[in-house]
Amino acid sequence: ASTAATLNTSGNIFLELRFGSDGVFRVVGSAGSSSESLTVG
């Protein structure tokens, strides 16, 4: 119910999708990660 950020704490999330500053999209789970390179725009 909080209006403050809660998912910015690693222990509160069940999976992780990273939107990279360098255009790398990365999916992180319990066993590792996979990534895809994005195109600007």
All heavy atoms as atom14 arrays in JSON, in Angstrom:
{
  "sequence": "ASTAATLNTSGNIFLELRFGSDGVFRVVGSAGSSSESLTVG",
  "atom14_mask": [
    [1, 1, 1, 1, 1, 0, 0, 0, 0, 0, 0, 0, 0, 0],
    [1, 1, 1, 1, 1, 1, 0, 0, 0, 0, 0, 0, 0, 0],
    [1, 1, 1, 1, 1, 1, 1, 0, 0, 0, 0, 0, 0, 0],
    [1, 1, 1, 1, 1, 0, 0, 0, 0, 0, 0, 0, 0, 0],
    [1, 1, 1, 1, 1, 0, 0, 0, 0, 0, 0, 0, 0, 0],
    [1, 1, 1, 1, 1, 1, 1, 0, 0, 0, 0, 0, 0, 0],
    [1, 1, 1, 1, 1, 1, 1, 1, 0, 0, 0, 0, 0, 0],
    [1, 1, 1, 1, 1, 1, 1, 1, 0, 0, 0, 0, 0, 0],
    [1, 1, 1, 1, 1, 1, 1, 0, 0, 0, 0, 0, 0, 0],
    [1, 1, 1, 1, 1, 1, 0, 0, 0, 0, 0, 0, 0, 0],
    [1, 1, 1, 1, 0, 0, 0, 0, 0, 0, 0, 0, 0, 0],
    [1, 1, 1, 1, 1, 1, 1, 1, 0, 0, 0, 0, 0, 0],
    [1, 1, 1, 1, 1, 1, 1, 1, 0, 0, 0, 0, 0, 0],
    [1, 1, 1, 1, 1, 1, 1, 1, 1, 1, 1, 0, 0, 0],
    [1, 1, 1, 1, 1, 1, 1, 1, 0, 0, 0, 0, 0, 0],
    [1, 1, 1, 1, 1, 1, 1, 1, 1, 0, 0, 0, 0, 0],
    [1, 1, 1, 1, 1, 1, 1, 1, 0, 0, 0, 0, 0, 0],
    [1, 1, 1, 1, 1, 1, 1, 1, 1, 1, 1, 0, 0, 0],
    [1, 1, 1, 1, 1, 1, 1, 1, 1, 1, 1, 0, 0, 0],
    [1, 1, 1, 1, 0, 0, 0, 0, 0, 0, 0, 0, 0, 0],
    [1, 1, 1, 1, 1, 1, 0, 0, 0, 0, 0, 0, 0, 0],
    [1, 1, 1, 1, 1, 1, 1, 1, 0, 0, 0, 0, 0, 0],
    [1, 1, 1, 1, 0, 0, 0, 0, 0, 0, 0, 0, 0, 0],
    [1, 1, 1, 1, 1, 1, 1, 0, 0, 0, 0, 0, 0, 0],
    [1, 1, 1, 1, 1, 1, 1, 1, 1, 1, 1, 0, 0, 0],
    [1, 1, 1, 1, 1, 1, 1, 1, 1, 1, 1, 0, 0, 0],
    [1, 1, 1, 1, 1, 1, 1, 0, 0, 0, 0, 0, 0, 0],
    [1, 1, 1, 1, 1, 1, 1, 0, 0, 0, 0, 0, 0, 0],
    [1, 1, 1, 1, 0, 0, 0, 0, 0, 0, 0, 0, 0, 0],
    [1, 1, 1, 1, 1, 1, 0, 0, 0, 0, 0, 0, 0, 0],
    [1, 1, 1, 1, 1, 0, 0, 0, 0, 0, 0, 0, 0, 0],
    [1, 1, 1, 1, 0, 0, 0, 0, 0, 0, 0, 0, 0, 0],
    [1, 1, 1, 1, 1, 1, 0, 0, 0, 0, 0, 0, 0, 0],
    [1, 1, 1, 1, 1, 1, 0, 0, 0, 0, 0, 0, 0, 0],
    [1, 1, 1, 1, 1, 1, 0, 0, 0, 0, 0, 0, 0, 0],
    [1, 1, 1, 1, 1, 1, 1, 1, 1, 0, 0, 0, 0, 0],
    [1, 1, 1, 1, 1, 1, 0, 0, 0, 0, 0, 0, 0, 0],
    [1, 1, 1, 1, 1, 1, 1, 1, 0, 0, 0, 0, 0, 0],
    [1, 1, 1, 1, 1, 1, 1, 0, 0, 0, 0, 0, 0, 0],
    [1, 1, 1, 1, 1, 1, 1, 0, 0, 0, 0, 0, 0, 0],
    [1, 1, 1, 1, 0, 0, 0, 0, 0, 0, 0, 0, 0, 0]
  ],
  "atom14_positions": [
    [[0.81, -1.22, 0.0], [0.0, 0.0, 0.0], [0.84, 1.26, 0.0], [0.32, 2.36, -0.24], [-0.93, 0.0, 1.21], [0.0, 0.0, 0.0], [0.0, 0.0, 0.0], [0.0, 0.0, 0.0], [0.0, 0.0, 0.0], [0.0, 0.0, 0.0], [0.0, 0.0, 0.0], [0.0, 0.0, 0.0], [0.0, 0.0, 0.0], [0.0, 0.0, 0.0]],
    [[2.13, 1.13, 0.24], [3.01, 2.29, 0.32], [3.1, 3.02, -1.01], [3.13, 2.42, -2.08], [4.42, 1.86, 0.75], [5.31, 2.95, 0.7], [0.0, 0.0, 0.0], [0.0, 0.0, 0.0], [0.0, 0.0, 0.0], [0.0, 0.0, 0.0], [0.0, 0.0, 0.0], [0.0, 0.0, 0.0], [0.0, 0.0, 0.0], [0.0, 0.0, 0.0]],
    [[3.16, 4.36, -0.94], [3.38, 5.17, -2.13], [4.86, 5.46, -2.34], [5.23, 6.22, -3.23], [2.61, 6.49, -2.04], [3.02, 7.2, -0.86], [1.11, 6.24, -1.98], [0.0, 0.0, 0.0], [0.0, 0.0, 0.0], [0.0, 0.0, 0.0], [0.0, 0.0, 0.0], [0.0, 0.0, 0.0], [0.0, 0.0, 0.0], [0.0, 0.0, 0.0]],
    [[5.7, 4.86, -1.51], [7.15, 4.95, -1.69], [7.63, 3.78, -2.55], [6.93, 2.77, -2.7], [7.86, 4.92, -0.34], [0.0, 0.0, 0.0], [0.0, 0.0, 0.0], [0.0, 0.0, 0.0], [0.0, 0.0, 0.0], [0.0, 0.0, 0.0], [0.0, 0.0, 0.0], [0.0, 0.0, 0.0], [0.0, 0.0, 0.0], [0.0, 0.0, 0.0]],
    [[8.8, 3.93, -3.15], [9.38, 2.84, -3.94], [9.62, 1.63, -3.04], [10.13, 1.76, -1.92], [10.68, 3.29, -4.58], [0.0, 0.0, 0.0], [0.0, 0.0, 0.0], [0.0, 0.0, 0.0], [0.0, 0.0, 0.0], [0.0, 0.0, 0.0], [0.0, 0.0, 0.0], [0.0, 0.0, 0.0], [0.0, 0.0, 0.0], [0.0, 0.0, 0.0]],
    [[9.24, 0.44, -3.5], [9.52, -0.8, -2.77], [10.34, -1.78, -3.59], [11.08, -2.58, -3.04], [8.22, -1.49, -2.33], [7.45, -1.86, -3.49], [7.37, -0.57, -1.45], [0.0, 0.0, 0.0], [0.0, 0.0, 0.0], [0.0, 0.0, 0.0], [0.0, 0.0, 0.0], [0.0, 0.0, 0.0], [0.0, 0.0, 0.0], [0.0, 0.0, 0.0]],
    [[10.22, -1.71, -4.91], [10.9, -2.67, -5.78], [12.34, -2.26, -6.1], [13.03, -2.96, -6.84], [10.1, -2.85, -7.07], [8.66, -3.34, -6.88], [7.95, -3.45, -8.22], [8.62, -4.68, -6.14], [0.0, 0.0, 0.0], [0.0, 0.0, 0.0], [0.0, 0.0, 0.0], [0.0, 0.0, 0.0], [0.0, 0.0, 0.0], [0.0, 0.0, 0.0]],
    [[12.77, -1.14, -5.56], [14.17, -0.74, -5.73], [15.09, -1.46, -4.76], [16.31, -1.31, -4.83], [14.33, 0.78, -5.58], [13.88, 1.29, -4.21], [13.15, 0.6, -3.5], [14.3, 2.48, -3.86], [0.0, 0.0, 0.0], [0.0, 0.0, 0.0], [0.0, 0.0, 0.0], [0.0, 0.0, 0.0], [0.0, 0.0, 0.0], [0.0, 0.0, 0.0]],
    [[14.51, -2.27, -3.87], [15.29, -3.11, -2.96], [15.37, -4.52, -3.55], [14.33, -5.14, -3.81], [14.63, -3.15, -1.57], [14.55, -1.82, -1.05], [15.4, -4.03, -0.62], [0.0, 0.0, 0.0], [0.0, 0.0, 0.0], [0.0, 0.0, 0.0], [0.0, 0.0, 0.0], [0.0, 0.0, 0.0], [0.0, 0.0, 0.0], [0.0, 0.0, 0.0]],
    [[16.58, -5.02, -3.73], [16.77, -6.31, -4.43], [16.01, -7.44, -3.77], [15.49, -8.34, -4.46], [18.25, -6.64, -4.5], [18.94, -5.7, -5.29], [0.0, 0.0, 0.0], [0.0, 0.0, 0.0], [0.0, 0.0, 0.0], [0.0, 0.0, 0.0], [0.0, 0.0, 0.0], [0.0, 0.0, 0.0], [0.0, 0.0, 0.0], [0.0, 0.0, 0.0]],
    [[15.91, -7.45, -2.45], [15.22, -8.53, -1.76], [13.72, -8.53, -1.95], [13.06, -9.5, -1.57], [0.0, 0.0, 0.0], [0.0, 0.0, 0.0], [0.0, 0.0, 0.0], [0.0, 0.0, 0.0], [0.0, 0.0, 0.0], [0.0, 0.0, 0.0], [0.0, 0.0, 0.0], [0.0, 0.0, 0.0], [0.0, 0.0, 0.0], [0.0, 0.0, 0.0]],
    [[13.17, -7.48, -2.55], [11.72, -7.37, -2.73], [11.25, -7.81, -4.11], [10.05, -7.81, -4.37], [11.26, -5.93, -2.5], [11.37, -5.52, -1.04], [11.5, -6.37, -0.16], [11.31, -4.23, -0.79], [0.0, 0.0, 0.0], [0.0, 0.0, 0.0], [0.0, 0.0, 0.0], [0.0, 0.0, 0.0], [0.0, 0.0, 0.0], [0.0, 0.0, 0.0]],
    [[12.16, -8.15, -5.01], [11.75, -8.51, -6.37], [11.98, -10.0, -6.63], [12.89, -10.61, -6.09], [12.49, -7.67, -7.43], [14.0, -7.85, -7.33], [12.1, -6.2, -7.32], [14.77, -7.18, -8.45], [0.0, 0.0, 0.0], [0.0, 0.0, 0.0], [0.0, 0.0, 0.0], [0.0, 0.0, 0.0], [0.0, 0.0, 0.0], [0.0, 0.0, 0.0]],
    [[11.11, -10.56, -7.46], [11.14, -11.99, -7.75], [11.85, -12.31, -9.06], [12.16, -13.47, -9.33], [9.71, -12.54, -7.81], [8.9, -12.25, -6.58], [7.52, -12.11, -6.66], [9.51, -12.1, -5.34], [6.76, -11.85, -5.53], [8.75, -11.83, -4.19], [7.37, -11.72, -4.3], [0.0, 0.0, 0.0], [0.0, 0.0, 0.0], [0.0, 0.0, 0.0]],
    [[12.08, -11.3, -9.87], [12.78, -11.43, -11.14], [13.3, -10.05, -11.5], [12.9, -9.06, -10.91], [11.86, -11.98, -12.24], [10.6, -11.16, -12.55], [10.83, -10.17, -13.68], [9.44, -12.08, -12.86], [0.0, 0.0, 0.0], [0.0, 0.0, 0.0], [0.0, 0.0, 0.0], [0.0, 0.0, 0.0], [0.0, 0.0, 0.0], [0.0, 0.0, 0.0]],
    [[14.18, -9.98, -12.5], [14.82, -8.71, -12.8], [14.96, -8.5, -14.31], [15.52, -9.35, -15.01], [16.21, -8.71, -12.14], [16.93, -7.4, -12.19], [18.21, -7.44, -11.34], [18.31, -8.3, -10.44], [19.09, -6.6, -11.59], [0.0, 0.0, 0.0], [0.0, 0.0, 0.0], [0.0, 0.0, 0.0], [0.0, 0.0, 0.0], [0.0, 0.0, 0.0]],
    [[14.43, -7.38, -14.8], [14.62, -6.97, -16.18], [15.4, -5.66, -16.16], [14.94, -4.67, -15.59], [13.27, -6.76, -16.88], [12.24, -7.89, -16.81], [11.0, -7.52, -17.63], [12.82, -9.21, -17.28], [0.0, 0.0, 0.0], [0.0, 0.0, 0.0], [0.0, 0.0, 0.0], [0.0, 0.0, 0.0], [0.0, 0.0, 0.0], [0.0, 0.0, 0.0]],
    [[16.57, -5.66, -16.77], [17.43, -4.48, -16.75], [17.38, -3.76, -18.09], [17.64, -4.36, -19.14], [18.88, -4.88, -16.43], [19.07, -5.49, -15.06], [20.53, -5.85, -14.82], [20.73, -6.44, -13.51], [21.91, -6.88, -13.05], [22.99, -6.78, -13.83], [22.0, -7.41, -11.85], [0.0, 0.0, 0.0], [0.0, 0.0, 0.0], [0.0, 0.0, 0.0]],
    [[17.07, -2.47, -18.03], [17.04, -1.63, -19.22], [18.29, -0.76, -19.19], [18.37, 0.22, -18.47], [15.76, -0.79, -19.23], [14.52, -1.64, -19.39], [13.91, -2.22, -18.28], [13.97, -1.87, -20.64], [12.78, -3.01, -18.42], [12.84, -2.67, -20.79], [12.25, -3.25, -19.68], [0.0, 0.0, 0.0], [0.0, 0.0, 0.0], [0.0, 0.0, 0.0]],
    [[19.3, -1.17, -19.97], [20.63, -0.62, -19.84], [20.81, 0.75, -20.45], [20.2, 1.09, -21.47], [0.0, 0.0, 0.0], [0.0, 0.0, 0.0], [0.0, 0.0, 0.0], [0.0, 0.0, 0.0], [0.0, 0.0, 0.0], [0.0, 0.0, 0.0], [0.0, 0.0, 0.0], [0.0, 0.0, 0.0], [0.0, 0.0, 0.0], [0.0, 0.0, 0.0]],
    [[21.7, 1.52, -19.83], [22.07, 2.83, -20.37], [22.74, 2.7, -21.74], [22.7, 3.63, -22.54], [23.02, 3.54, -19.4], [24.16, 2.74, -19.16], [0.0, 0.0, 0.0], [0.0, 0.0, 0.0], [0.0, 0.0, 0.0], [0.0, 0.0, 0.0], [0.0, 0.0, 0.0], [0.0, 0.0, 0.0], [0.0, 0.0, 0.0], [0.0, 0.0, 0.0]],
    [[23.34, 1.54, -22.0], [24.02, 1.29, -23.28], [23.15, 0.52, -24.27], [23.64, 0.01, -25.27], [25.32, 0.54, -23.04], [25.14, -0.71, -22.19], [23.98, -1.03, -21.84], [26.15, -1.35, -21.84], [0.0, 0.0, 0.0], [0.0, 0.0, 0.0], [0.0, 0.0, 0.0], [0.0, 0.0, 0.0], [0.0, 0.0, 0.0], [0.0, 0.0, 0.0]],
    [[21.85, 0.43, -23.99], [20.94, -0.25, -24.9], [20.97, -1.75, -24.82], [20.5, -2.44, -25.72], [0.0, 0.0, 0.0], [0.0, 0.0, 0.0], [0.0, 0.0, 0.0], [0.0, 0.0, 0.0], [0.0, 0.0, 0.0], [0.0, 0.0, 0.0], [0.0, 0.0, 0.0], [0.0, 0.0, 0.0], [0.0, 0.0, 0.0], [0.0, 0.0, 0.0]],
    [[21.47, -2.3, -23.73], [21.45, -3.74, -23.51], [20.28, -4.09, -22.59], [20.2, -3.56, -21.48], [22.77, -4.25, -22.9], [22.66, -5.74, -22.56], [23.92, -4.01, -23.86], [0.0, 0.0, 0.0], [0.0, 0.0, 0.0], [0.0, 0.0, 0.0], [0.0, 0.0, 0.0], [0.0, 0.0, 0.0], [0.0, 0.0, 0.0], [0.0, 0.0, 0.0]],
    [[19.4, -4.92, -23.07], [18.27, -5.41, -22.28], [18.68, -6.77, -21.71], [19.02, -7.68, -22.45], [17.02, -5.55, -23.16], [15.88, -6.26, -22.49], [15.16, -5.65, -21.48], [15.52, -7.54, -22.88], [14.11, -6.3, -20.86], [14.47, -8.2, -22.27], [13.76, -7.58, -21.26], [0.0, 0.0, 0.0], [0.0, 0.0, 0.0], [0.0, 0.0, 0.0]],
    [[18.62, -6.89, -20.39], [19.09, -8.12, -19.73], [18.0, -8.68, -18.82], [17.39, -7.94, -18.04], [20.36, -7.85, -18.94], [20.99, -9.11, -18.3], [22.34, -8.8, -17.67], [23.28, -8.32, -18.64], [24.02, -9.08, -19.45], [23.89, -10.41, -19.38], [24.86, -8.54, -20.31], [0.0, 0.0, 0.0], [0.0, 0.0, 0.0], [0.0, 0.0, 0.0]],
    [[17.79, -9.99, -18.9], [16.85, -10.71, -18.06], [17.64, -11.53, -17.05], [18.51, -12.31, -17.44], [15.95, -11.64, -18.9], [14.97, -12.4, -18.01], [15.2, -10.86, -19.97], [0.0, 0.0, 0.0], [0.0, 0.0, 0.0], [0.0, 0.0, 0.0], [0.0, 0.0, 0.0], [0.0, 0.0, 0.0], [0.0, 0.0, 0.0], [0.0, 0.0, 0.0]],
    [[17.34, -11.34, -15.76], [18.09, -12.0, -14.7], [17.15, -12.85, -13.85], [16.11, -12.37, -13.39], [18.8, -10.97, -13.8], [19.65, -11.69, -12.74], [19.66, -10.03, -14.62], [0.0, 0.0, 0.0], [0.0, 0.0, 0.0], [0.0, 0.0, 0.0], [0.0, 0.0, 0.0], [0.0, 0.0, 0.0], [0.0, 0.0, 0.0], [0.0, 0.0, 0.0]],
    [[17.52, -14.12, -13.68], [16.75, -15.03, -12.84], [17.65, -15.76, -11.87], [18.8, -15.38, -11.66], [0.0, 0.0, 0.0], [0.0, 0.0, 0.0], [0.0, 0.0, 0.0], [0.0, 0.0, 0.0], [0.0, 0.0, 0.0], [0.0, 0.0, 0.0], [0.0, 0.0, 0.0], [0.0, 0.0, 0.0], [0.0, 0.0, 0.0], [0.0, 0.0, 0.0]],
    [[17.16, -16.85, -11.31], [17.89, -17.56, -10.27], [19.13, -18.27, -10.8], [20.09, -18.49, -10.05], [16.98, -18.58, -9.59], [16.54, -19.56, -10.53], [0.0, 0.0, 0.0], [0.0, 0.0, 0.0], [0.0, 0.0, 0.0], [0.0, 0.0, 0.0], [0.0, 0.0, 0.0], [0.0, 0.0, 0.0], [0.0, 0.0, 0.0], [0.0, 0.0, 0.0]],
    [[19.14, -18.63, -12.08], [20.25, -19.42, -12.63], [21.21, -18.62, -13.49], [22.22, -19.16, -13.95], [19.69, -20.59, -13.43], [0.0, 0.0, 0.0], [0.0, 0.0, 0.0], [0.0, 0.0, 0.0], [0.0, 0.0, 0.0], [0.0, 0.0, 0.0], [0.0, 0.0, 0.0], [0.0, 0.0, 0.0], [0.0, 0.0, 0.0], [0.0, 0.0, 0.0]],
    [[20.92, -17.35, -13.74], [21.82, -16.56, -14.58], [21.07, -15.48, -15.33], [20.03, -14.99, -14.88], [0.0, 0.0, 0.0], [0.0, 0.0, 0.0], [0.0, 0.0, 0.0], [0.0, 0.0, 0.0], [0.0, 0.0, 0.0], [0.0, 0.0, 0.0], [0.0, 0.0, 0.0], [0.0, 0.0, 0.0], [0.0, 0.0, 0.0], [0.0, 0.0, 0.0]],
    [[21.59, -15.1, -16.5], [20.98, -14.01, -17.26], [21.16, -14.21, -18.76], [22.02, -14.97, -19.2], [21.59, -12.67, -16.85], [22.95, -12.59, -17.22], [0.0, 0.0, 0.0], [0.0, 0.0, 0.0], [0.0, 0.0, 0.0], [0.0, 0.0, 0.0], [0.0, 0.0, 0.0], [0.0, 0.0, 0.0], [0.0, 0.0, 0.0], [0.0, 0.0, 0.0]],
    [[20.34, -13.51, -19.52], [20.43, -13.46, -20.98], [20.19, -12.02, -21.41], [19.48, -11.28, -20.73], [19.4, -14.37, -21.65], [19.57, -15.71, -21.26], [0.0, 0.0, 0.0], [0.0, 0.0, 0.0], [0.0, 0.0, 0.0], [0.0, 0.0, 0.0], [0.0, 0.0, 0.0], [0.0, 0.0, 0.0], [0.0, 0.0, 0.0], [0.0, 0.0, 0.0]],
    [[20.77, -11.63, -22.55], [20.63, -10.23, -22.96], [20.36, -10.11, -24.45], [20.64, -11.02, -25.23], [21.9, -9.45, -22.6], [23.02, -9.95, -23.3], [0.0, 0.0, 0.0], [0.0, 0.0, 0.0], [0.0, 0.0, 0.0], [0.0, 0.0, 0.0], [0.0, 0.0, 0.0], [0.0, 0.0, 0.0], [0.0, 0.0, 0.0], [0.0, 0.0, 0.0]],
    [[19.82, -8.95, -24.81], [19.57, -8.58, -26.19], [20.0, -7.13, -26.37], [19.78, -6.29, -25.5], [18.09, -8.7, -26.55], [17.53, -10.11, -26.5], [17.97, -10.96, -27.67], [18.38, -10.37, -28.7], [17.9, -12.2, -27.55], [0.0, 0.0, 0.0], [0.0, 0.0, 0.0], [0.0, 0.0, 0.0], [0.0, 0.0, 0.0], [0.0, 0.0, 0.0]],
    [[20.61, -6.83, -27.53], [20.99, -5.45, -27.83], [19.83, -4.74, -28.51], [19.21, -5.29, -29.44], [22.23, -5.43, -28.73], [23.35, -5.95, -28.05], [0.0, 0.0, 0.0], [0.0, 0.0, 0.0], [0.0, 0.0, 0.0], [0.0, 0.0, 0.0], [0.0, 0.0, 0.0], [0.0, 0.0, 0.0], [0.0, 0.0, 0.0], [0.0, 0.0, 0.0]],
    [[19.55, -3.52, -28.06], [18.43, -2.75, -28.58], [18.91, -1.72, -29.6], [20.08, -1.34, -29.62], [17.71, -2.03, -27.44], [17.25, -2.91, -26.27], [16.69, -2.04, -25.15], [16.22, -3.94, -26.73], [0.0, 0.0, 0.0], [0.0, 0.0, 0.0], [0.0, 0.0, 0.0], [0.0, 0.0, 0.0], [0.0, 0.0, 0.0], [0.0, 0.0, 0.0]],
    [[17.98, -1.26, -30.42], [18.24, -0.19, -31.39], [17.56, 1.08, -30.91], [16.38, 1.06, -30.53], [17.7, -0.58, -32.78], [18.35, -1.77, -33.22], [17.93, 0.54, -33.78], [0.0, 0.0, 0.0], [0.0, 0.0, 0.0], [0.0, 0.0, 0.0], [0.0, 0.0, 0.0], [0.0, 0.0, 0.0], [0.0, 0.0, 0.0], [0.0, 0.0, 0.0]],
    [[18.28, 2.18, -30.9], [17.74, 3.46, -30.45], [16.49, 3.82, -31.26], [16.49, 3.74, -32.5], [18.78, 4.59, -30.58], [18.13, 5.95, -30.32], [19.92, 4.37, -29.59], [0.0, 0.0, 0.0], [0.0, 0.0, 0.0], [0.0, 0.0, 0.0], [0.0, 0.0, 0.0], [0.0, 0.0, 0.0], [0.0, 0.0, 0.0], [0.0, 0.0, 0.0]],
    [[15.43, 4.18, -30.55], [14.21, 4.65, -31.2], [13.26, 3.57, -31.67], [12.15, 3.87, -32.11], [0.0, 0.0, 0.0], [0.0, 0.0, 0.0], [0.0, 0.0, 0.0], [0.0, 0.0, 0.0], [0.0, 0.0, 0.0], [0.0, 0.0, 0.0], [0.0, 0.0, 0.0], [0.0, 0.0, 0.0], [0.0, 0.0, 0.0], [0.0, 0.0, 0.0]]
  ]
}
